[in-house]
């Protein structure tokens, strides 16, 4: 009798442990009755991504999902742009997100994206355009038929996305600092149908502080350029 009691107690403990493990995990139910237990890492591009201990990362078509339940808050953005952070629950295609300020009721198909609670919306991050700067200074020397010592300064600014690039180069004379040459170029670059091809439209300025007589200090040119990149 004592042995049977111990066996029953052990089975009960295992059952409680399994139930607790399931309660502390996210659950995704599909329309065909499958039940995936793990951690919902994100919803993106019409797919639900679940990390599991038994099968690794699993991707499920969102259109095949009947219910999502999470054990912790997640960030949810709906198709209308509304964002709420909270625990997700639901059944039969319905969805509730319980946030700090209330609960939103919707459906699985109205969820545009989901990510870690408190995190930045991936769509906003992807759309951000930031400037990237590059500065360089060269010192050059030349000997032979003509001896020459010079320096060059270059500043380049590139805007991410469809690129806007500005480049400025200044070449001064060591003998007379009022005598210098500056070249500037700005262009807008956009990719074509093939990522290897790009179209550049821009202008370039060539400035000479002490030009010869009857010569203007600055020349401006305009260009449209087809560019091919390869590796």
Protein backbone atom coordinates (compact mmCIF):
# COMPACT_ATOMS: atom_id res chain seq x y z
CA UNK A 1 0.00 0.00 0.00
CA UNK A 2 2.78 2.37 0.92
CA UNK A 3 4.52 1.69 -2.40
CA UNK A 4 1.31 2.38 -4.34
CA UNK A 5 0.85 5.61 -2.42
CA UNK A 6 4.37 6.68 -3.30
CA UNK A 7 3.79 5.90 -6.98
CA UNK A 8 0.55 7.89 -6.99
CA UNK A 9 2.28 10.78 -5.24
CA UNK A 10 5.11 10.74 -7.78
CA UNK A 11 2.66 10.72 -10.69
CA UNK A 12 0.78 13.62 -9.11
CA UNK A 13 3.99 15.63 -8.72
CA UNK A 14 4.97 14.99 -12.34
CA UNK A 15 1.50 16.04 -13.49
CA UNK A 16 1.69 19.24 -11.45
CA UNK A 17 5.17 19.99 -12.83
CA UNK A 18 3.99 19.49 -16.41
CA UNK A 19 0.92 21.63 -15.82
CA UNK A 20 3.04 24.37 -14.28
CA UNK A 21 5.48 24.24 -17.21
CA UNK A 22 2.61 24.61 -19.66
CA UNK A 23 1.08 27.45 -17.68
CA UNK A 24 4.40 29.32 -17.78
CA UNK A 25 4.72 29.01 -21.55
CA UNK A 26 3.05 30.61 -24.56
CA UNK A 27 0.57 28.50 -26.50
CA UNK A 28 -0.34 28.82 -30.18
CA UNK A 29 -3.29 26.81 -31.48
CA UNK A 30 -3.81 26.27 -35.20
CA UNK A 31 -7.05 25.82 -37.11
CA UNK A 32 -6.29 22.13 -37.71
CA UNK A 33 -6.05 21.48 -33.97
CA UNK A 34 -2.28 21.55 -33.45
CA UNK A 35 -1.07 23.03 -30.17
CA UNK A 36 2.44 24.54 -30.08
CA UNK A 37 3.88 25.28 -26.64
CA UNK A 38 6.92 27.53 -26.39
CA UNK A 39 7.75 31.23 -26.58
CA UNK A 40 6.19 33.53 -29.17
CA UNK A 41 9.20 35.61 -30.23
CA UNK A 42 7.47 37.78 -32.82
CA UNK A 43 4.72 38.15 -35.39
CA UNK A 44 5.95 39.59 -38.65
CA UNK A 45 5.11 39.43 -42.34
CA UNK A 46 2.08 37.20 -41.87
CA UNK A 47 3.91 34.59 -39.77
CA UNK A 48 4.00 33.70 -36.08
CA UNK A 49 7.47 32.75 -34.81
CA UNK A 50 7.66 30.37 -31.84
CA UNK A 51 10.78 29.16 -30.03
CA UNK A 52 10.38 25.67 -28.53
CA UNK A 53 12.59 23.36 -26.48
CA UNK A 54 11.57 20.27 -28.42
CA UNK A 55 11.73 21.49 -32.05
CA UNK A 56 13.72 24.72 -32.02
CA UNK A 57 12.28 27.68 -33.92
CA UNK A 58 8.90 27.11 -35.56
CA UNK A 59 7.23 29.44 -38.07
CA UNK A 60 3.46 29.25 -38.46
CA UNK A 61 1.37 31.01 -41.08
CA UNK A 62 -0.72 33.61 -39.29
CA UNK A 63 -3.72 32.74 -41.46
CA UNK A 64 -3.64 29.22 -39.97
CA UNK A 65 -3.58 30.38 -36.33
CA UNK A 66 -6.79 30.07 -34.30
CA UNK A 67 -5.55 31.31 -30.92
CA UNK A 68 -2.53 32.80 -29.18
CA UNK A 69 -1.99 32.88 -25.42
CA UNK A 70 1.11 34.37 -23.81
CA UNK A 71 2.24 34.06 -20.20
CA UNK A 72 3.95 37.47 -20.22
CA UNK A 73 3.27 40.86 -21.84
CA UNK A 74 4.29 41.39 -25.46
CA UNK A 75 4.08 44.41 -27.76
CA UNK A 76 1.29 44.20 -30.35
CA UNK A 77 0.63 46.52 -33.29
CA UNK A 78 -2.71 46.17 -35.03
CA UNK A 79 -3.41 46.75 -38.71
CA UNK A 80 -4.87 50.19 -37.90
CA UNK A 81 -1.59 51.26 -36.25
CA UNK A 82 -2.72 50.90 -32.61
CA UNK A 83 0.00 49.60 -30.30
CA UNK A 84 -0.53 48.01 -26.89
CA UNK A 85 1.77 46.07 -24.57
CA UNK A 86 0.13 43.32 -22.55
CA UNK A 87 -0.68 39.65 -22.13
CA UNK A 88 -2.40 38.03 -25.10
CA UNK A 89 -5.25 35.55 -24.79
CA UNK A 90 -7.96 34.26 -27.06
CA UNK A 91 -9.76 31.39 -28.76
CA UNK A 92 -11.43 30.59 -32.09
CA UNK A 93 -9.79 33.49 -33.92
CA UNK A 94 -10.52 36.14 -31.30
CA UNK A 95 -7.75 37.95 -29.46
CA UNK A 96 -7.55 40.06 -26.31
CA UNK A 97 -4.54 42.10 -25.25
CA UNK A 98 -4.67 43.08 -21.57
CA UNK A 99 -2.49 46.14 -21.07
CA UNK A 100 -1.89 48.50 -18.17
CA UNK A 101 -4.61 50.89 -19.40
CA UNK A 102 -7.22 48.34 -20.36
CA UNK A 103 -8.00 45.46 -22.70
CA UNK A 104 -8.30 45.57 -26.48
CA UNK A 105 -10.40 42.93 -28.24
CA UNK A 106 -9.56 42.10 -31.82
CA UNK A 107 -8.81 39.06 -34.00
CA UNK A 108 -5.66 37.19 -34.97
CA UNK A 109 -5.82 38.41 -38.57
CA UNK A 110 -5.86 42.07 -37.42
CA UNK A 111 -2.43 41.76 -35.77
CA UNK A 112 0.16 43.42 -38.01
CA UNK A 113 3.20 42.70 -35.82
CA UNK A 114 4.34 41.67 -32.36
CA UNK A 115 7.68 41.86 -30.57
CA UNK A 116 9.17 42.00 -27.06
CA UNK A 117 7.25 44.20 -24.63
CA UNK A 118 8.76 47.65 -24.19
CA UNK A 119 10.82 47.30 -27.36
CA UNK A 120 10.88 49.67 -30.28
CA UNK A 121 8.56 49.01 -33.19
CA UNK A 122 10.69 47.21 -35.85
CA UNK A 123 8.81 49.07 -38.59
CA UNK A 124 9.91 52.44 -37.21
CA UNK A 125 13.49 51.24 -36.88
CA UNK A 126 13.49 49.96 -40.46
CA UNK A 127 12.16 53.27 -41.81
CA UNK A 128 14.68 55.42 -39.98
CA UNK A 129 17.22 57.22 -42.13
CA UNK A 130 20.45 58.27 -40.52
CA UNK A 131 23.43 60.23 -41.71
CA UNK A 132 26.83 58.52 -41.86
CA UNK A 133 29.86 60.82 -41.87
CA UNK A 134 33.43 60.28 -43.04
CA UNK A 135 36.33 62.73 -42.73
CA UNK A 136 39.87 62.34 -44.07
CA UNK A 137 43.04 64.43 -44.25
CA UNK A 138 45.94 63.64 -46.61
CA UNK A 139 49.47 65.04 -46.70
CA UNK A 140 51.17 64.53 -50.07
CA UNK A 141 54.66 65.18 -51.36
CA UNK A 142 56.24 65.16 -54.79
CA UNK A 143 59.88 65.41 -55.95
CA UNK A 144 61.67 65.24 -59.27
CA UNK A 145 61.10 67.71 -62.08
CA UNK A 146 58.86 69.60 -59.73
CA UNK A 147 58.90 69.60 -55.92
CA UNK A 148 55.56 69.95 -54.26
CA UNK A 149 54.10 69.51 -50.78
CA UNK A 150 50.37 69.65 -50.23
CA UNK A 151 47.47 68.57 -48.09
CA UNK A 152 43.91 67.49 -48.83
CA UNK A 153 40.86 67.49 -46.57
CA UNK A 154 37.77 65.47 -47.45
CA UNK A 155 34.35 65.33 -45.83
CA UNK A 156 31.67 62.87 -46.94
CA UNK A 157 28.09 62.59 -45.64
CA UNK A 158 25.81 59.74 -46.71
CA UNK A 159 22.12 59.41 -45.91
CA UNK A 160 20.88 55.84 -45.46
CA UNK A 161 18.05 54.53 -47.63
CA UNK A 162 17.76 55.99 -51.10
CA UNK A 163 21.10 57.71 -50.64
CA UNK A 164 21.88 61.40 -50.63
CA UNK A 165 25.67 61.86 -50.69
CA UNK A 166 27.60 65.09 -50.16
CA UNK A 167 31.36 65.23 -50.66
CA UNK A 168 33.68 68.21 -50.09
CA UNK A 169 37.44 68.24 -50.79
CA UNK A 170 39.73 71.19 -50.04
CA UNK A 171 43.32 71.37 -51.34
CA UNK A 172 45.23 74.37 -49.87
CA UNK A 173 48.68 75.61 -50.80
CA UNK A 174 51.33 75.53 -48.06
CA UNK A 175 53.05 78.55 -49.56
CA UNK A 176 49.93 80.71 -49.61
CA UNK A 177 46.89 79.60 -47.64
CA UNK A 178 44.62 82.03 -49.49
CA UNK A 179 45.33 79.96 -52.59
CA UNK A 180 43.27 76.79 -52.47
CA UNK A 181 40.99 74.63 -54.55
CA UNK A 182 37.71 73.16 -53.32
CA UNK A 183 35.61 70.56 -55.07
CA UNK A 184 32.10 69.67 -53.99
CA UNK A 185 29.69 67.02 -55.25
CA UNK A 186 26.15 66.17 -54.18
CA UNK A 187 24.03 63.45 -55.68
CA UNK A 188 20.86 61.48 -55.07
CA UNK A 189 21.22 57.73 -55.62
CA UNK A 190 18.30 55.35 -56.01
CA UNK A 191 18.33 51.62 -56.78
CA UNK A 192 16.73 50.33 -59.97
CA UNK A 193 14.82 47.07 -60.51
CA UNK A 194 18.06 45.13 -60.15
CA UNK A 195 19.92 45.91 -56.87
CA UNK A 196 23.22 45.92 -58.78
CA UNK A 197 22.17 48.95 -60.84
CA UNK A 198 21.69 52.43 -59.42
CA UNK A 199 20.87 55.84 -60.86
CA UNK A 200 22.67 58.95 -59.64
CA UNK A 201 21.52 62.50 -60.30
CA UNK A 202 23.58 65.36 -58.96
CA UNK A 203 25.82 68.37 -59.39
CA UNK A 204 29.49 69.17 -58.86
CA UNK A 205 31.26 72.46 -58.10
CA UNK A 206 34.94 73.20 -58.73
CA UNK A 207 36.17 76.34 -56.91
CA UNK A 208 39.58 77.99 -57.38
CA UNK A 209 40.30 80.84 -54.95
CA UNK A 210 42.95 82.43 -57.23
CA UNK A 211 42.06 81.60 -60.82
CA UNK A 212 43.92 83.01 -63.85
CA UNK A 213 42.71 86.31 -65.27
CA UNK A 214 39.34 86.30 -67.00
CA UNK A 215 38.55 82.89 -65.52
CA UNK A 216 35.65 82.49 -63.10
CA UNK A 217 36.36 81.15 -59.66
CA UNK A 218 33.73 78.41 -59.78
CA UNK A 219 32.52 75.95 -62.40
CA UNK A 220 29.29 74.00 -61.85
CA UNK A 221 28.38 70.84 -63.70
CA UNK A 222 25.31 68.61 -63.59
CA UNK A 223 25.18 64.89 -64.22
CA UNK A 224 22.99 61.82 -64.49
CA UNK A 225 24.98 58.64 -63.97
CA UNK A 226 24.17 54.94 -64.31
CA UNK A 227 26.16 52.88 -61.78
CA UNK A 228 26.82 49.12 -61.71
CA UNK A 229 27.97 47.46 -58.46
CA UNK A 230 29.29 43.93 -58.18
CA UNK A 231 31.32 41.71 -55.84
